[in-house]
Amino acid sequence: MIGHLIRFKGKGFLVIVLPLVFGIILFLIFDGLSWNDEYVFPASLLLSAFTIWFYDGGPAILREGFGKTPKSRHTFMWIEIKYWALVLGLAGCVLLGTVVKK
């Protein structure tokens, strides 16, 4: 069942693994320094979005436009991971906005 949903082509697993890894690292840092840990989840989403965007050639979309960039082999659920970076970045910004408003 999972193999049907997640196509292991290239580095698609990074969409799930990077936010978890960044979240654990940031939580340990924030906990060790006794800082407010409300910012860990939004920061981990933004860091992983930034990393995935530049890993999969996301800036080429800005230079050459949609549809003109070569198709990547790095996918997660049949969607290229550079587009998941946009979703993670937007989710991180929304969550950061809700944390800051408190």
C-alpha atoms as a PDB file:
ATOM      1  CA  MET A   1       0.000   0.000   0.000  1.00  0.00           C
ATOM      2  CA  ILE A   2       2.717   2.490   0.952  1.00  0.00           C
ATOM      3  CA  GLY A   3       4.762   1.506  -2.101  1.00  0.00           C
ATOM      4  CA  HIS A   4       1.812   2.475  -4.264  1.00  0.00           C
ATOM      5  CA  LEU A   5       1.538   5.949  -2.712  1.00  0.00           C
ATOM      6  CA  ILE A   6       5.239   6.771  -2.513  1.00  0.00           C
ATOM      7  CA  ARG A   7       7.184   6.190  -5.708  1.00  0.00           C
ATOM      8  CA  PHE A   8      10.837   5.812  -4.792  1.00  0.00           C
ATOM      9  CA  LYS A   9      12.388   7.711  -7.678  1.00  0.00           C
ATOM     10  CA  GLY A  10      15.356   9.768  -6.673  1.00  0.00           C
ATOM     11  CA  LYS A  11      15.104  11.799  -3.484  1.00  0.00           C
ATOM     12  CA  GLY A  12      11.365  12.074  -2.857  1.00  0.00           C
ATOM     13  CA  PHE A  13      11.703  10.807   0.699  1.00  0.00           C
ATOM     14  CA  LEU A  14      13.335  14.139   1.600  1.00  0.00           C
ATOM     15  CA  VAL A  15       9.890  15.759   1.637  1.00  0.00           C
ATOM     16  CA  ILE A  16       9.083  13.843   4.835  1.00  0.00           C
ATOM     17  CA  VAL A  17      12.540  13.263   6.292  1.00  0.00           C
ATOM     18  CA  LEU A  18      13.954  16.815   6.167  1.00  0.00           C
ATOM     19  CA  PRO A  19      11.219  18.482   8.274  1.00  0.00           C
ATOM     20  CA  LEU A  20      11.591  15.710  10.853  1.00  0.00           C
ATOM     21  CA  VAL A  21      15.379  15.994  10.997  1.00  0.00           C
ATOM     22  CA  PHE A  22      15.318  19.796  11.149  1.00  0.00           C
ATOM     23  CA  GLY A  23      12.561  19.627  13.769  1.00  0.00           C
ATOM     24  CA  ILE A  24      14.574  17.305  16.021  1.00  0.00           C
ATOM     25  CA  ILE A  25      17.731  19.395  15.677  1.00  0.00           C
ATOM     26  CA  LEU A  26      15.900  22.671  16.323  1.00  0.00           C
ATOM     27  CA  PHE A  27      13.993  21.201  19.261  1.00  0.00           C
ATOM     28  CA  LEU A  28      17.237  20.068  20.879  1.00  0.00           C
ATOM     29  CA  ILE A  29      18.794  23.504  20.343  1.00  0.00           C
ATOM     30  CA  PHE A  30      15.743  25.414  21.617  1.00  0.00           C
ATOM     31  CA  ASP A  31      15.335  23.080  24.595  1.00  0.00           C
ATOM     32  CA  GLY A  32      19.011  23.310  25.481  1.00  0.00           C
ATOM     33  CA  LEU A  33      18.951  27.108  25.379  1.00  0.00           C
ATOM     34  CA  SER A  34      15.552  27.318  27.174  1.00  0.00           C
ATOM     35  CA  TRP A  35      13.958  29.252  24.327  1.00  0.00           C
ATOM     36  CA  ASN A  36      10.289  29.178  23.385  1.00  0.00           C
ATOM     37  CA  ASP A  37       9.742  26.036  21.312  1.00  0.00           C
ATOM     38  CA  GLU A  38       6.618  27.310  19.497  1.00  0.00           C
ATOM     39  CA  TYR A  39       8.822  28.344  16.575  1.00  0.00           C
ATOM     40  CA  VAL A  40      10.385  24.914  16.010  1.00  0.00           C
ATOM     41  CA  PHE A  41       7.739  23.483  13.672  1.00  0.00           C
ATOM     42  CA  PRO A  42       7.382  26.545  11.386  1.00  0.00           C
ATOM     43  CA  ALA A  43      11.162  26.989  11.289  1.00  0.00           C
ATOM     44  CA  SER A  44      11.721  23.333  10.388  1.00  0.00           C
ATOM     45  CA  LEU A  45       9.192  23.600   7.551  1.00  0.00           C
ATOM     46  CA  LEU A  46      10.839  26.762   6.211  1.00  0.00           C
ATOM     47  CA  LEU A  47      14.353  25.302   6.449  1.00  0.00           C
ATOM     48  CA  SER A  48      13.313  22.099   4.691  1.00  0.00           C
ATOM     49  CA  ALA A  49      11.485  24.072   1.979  1.00  0.00           C
ATOM     50  CA  PHE A  50      14.605  26.161   1.378  1.00  0.00           C
ATOM     51  CA  THR A  51      16.812  23.044   1.244  1.00  0.00           C
ATOM     52  CA  ILE A  52      14.516  21.096  -1.081  1.00  0.00           C
ATOM     53  CA  TRP A  53      13.989  24.113  -3.371  1.00  0.00           C
ATOM     54  CA  PHE A  54      17.697  24.560  -4.032  1.00  0.00           C
ATOM     55  CA  TYR A  55      18.437  20.825  -4.076  1.00  0.00           C
ATOM     56  CA  ASP A  56      16.027  20.080  -6.920  1.00  0.00           C
ATOM     57  CA  GLY A  57      16.803  23.079  -9.105  1.00  0.00           C
ATOM     58  CA  GLY A  58      13.883  25.217  -8.024  1.00  0.00           C
ATOM     59  CA  PRO A  59      15.534  28.471  -9.142  1.00  0.00           C
ATOM     60  CA  ALA A  60      15.452  27.165 -12.721  1.00  0.00           C
ATOM     61  CA  ILE A  61      11.682  27.599 -12.573  1.00  0.00           C
ATOM     62  CA  LEU A  62      12.178  31.292 -11.901  1.00  0.00           C
ATOM     63  CA  ARG A  63      14.796  31.680 -14.638  1.00  0.00           C
ATOM     64  CA  GLU A  64      13.150  29.678 -17.400  1.00  0.00           C
ATOM     65  CA  GLY A  65       9.464  29.544 -16.471  1.00  0.00           C
ATOM     66  CA  PHE A  66       7.069  26.691 -15.779  1.00  0.00           C
ATOM     67  CA  GLY A  67       7.021  23.959 -18.394  1.00  0.00           C
ATOM     68  CA  LYS A  68      10.395  24.906 -19.858  1.00  0.00           C
ATOM     69  CA  THR A  69      12.564  23.298 -17.177  1.00  0.00           C
ATOM     70  CA  PRO A  70      13.632  19.689 -17.671  1.00  0.00           C
ATOM     71  CA  LYS A  71      11.489  17.176 -15.804  1.00  0.00           C
ATOM     72  CA  SER A  72      13.107  16.014 -12.599  1.00  0.00           C
ATOM     73  CA  ARG A  73      13.280  12.388 -11.551  1.00  0.00           C
ATOM     74  CA  HIS A  74      12.905  13.331  -7.880  1.00  0.00           C
ATOM     75  CA  THR A  75       9.228  12.814  -7.056  1.00  0.00           C
ATOM     76  CA  PHE A  76       7.020  12.215  -4.052  1.00  0.00           C
ATOM     77  CA  MET A  77       3.536  10.881  -4.806  1.00  0.00           C
ATOM     78  CA  TRP A  78       4.146  11.656  -8.512  1.00  0.00           C
ATOM     79  CA  ILE A  79       4.813  15.340  -7.802  1.00  0.00           C
ATOM     80  CA  GLU A  80       8.293  16.765  -8.239  1.00  0.00           C
ATOM     81  CA  ILE A  81       9.840  17.700  -4.917  1.00  0.00           C
ATOM     82  CA  LYS A  82      10.577  21.279  -5.959  1.00  0.00           C
ATOM     83  CA  TYR A  83       6.817  21.846  -5.954  1.00  0.00           C
ATOM     84  CA  TRP A  84       6.567  20.248  -2.504  1.00  0.00           C
ATOM     85  CA  ALA A  85       9.096  22.871  -1.394  1.00  0.00           C
ATOM     86  CA  LEU A  86       6.559  25.558  -2.282  1.00  0.00           C
ATOM     87  CA  VAL A  87       3.874  23.779  -0.254  1.00  0.00           C
ATOM     88  CA  LEU A  88       6.197  23.352   2.740  1.00  0.00           C
ATOM     89  CA  GLY A  89       7.251  26.997   2.535  1.00  0.00           C
ATOM     90  CA  LEU A  90       3.666  28.244   2.428  1.00  0.00           C
ATOM     91  CA  ALA A  91       2.697  25.995   5.342  1.00  0.00           C
ATOM     92  CA  GLY A  92       5.700  27.244   7.317  1.00  0.00           C
ATOM     93  CA  CYS A  93       4.761  30.888   6.666  1.00  0.00           C
ATOM     94  CA  VAL A  94       1.137  30.314   7.699  1.00  0.00           C
ATOM     95  CA  LEU A  95       2.163  28.502  10.887  1.00  0.00           C
ATOM     96  CA  LEU A  96       4.737  31.164  11.690  1.00  0.00           C
ATOM     97  CA  GLY A  97       2.045  33.819  11.262  1.00  0.00           C
ATOM     98  CA  THR A  98      -0.265  32.029  13.672  1.00  0.00           C
ATOM     99  CA  VAL A  99       2.493  31.638  16.262  1.00  0.00           C
ATOM    100  CA  VAL A 100       3.529  35.290  16.037  1.00  0.00           C
ATOM    101  CA  LYS A 101      -0.092  36.522  16.467  1.00  0.00           C
ATOM    102  CA  LYS A 102      -0.426  34.812  19.880  1.00  0.00           C
END
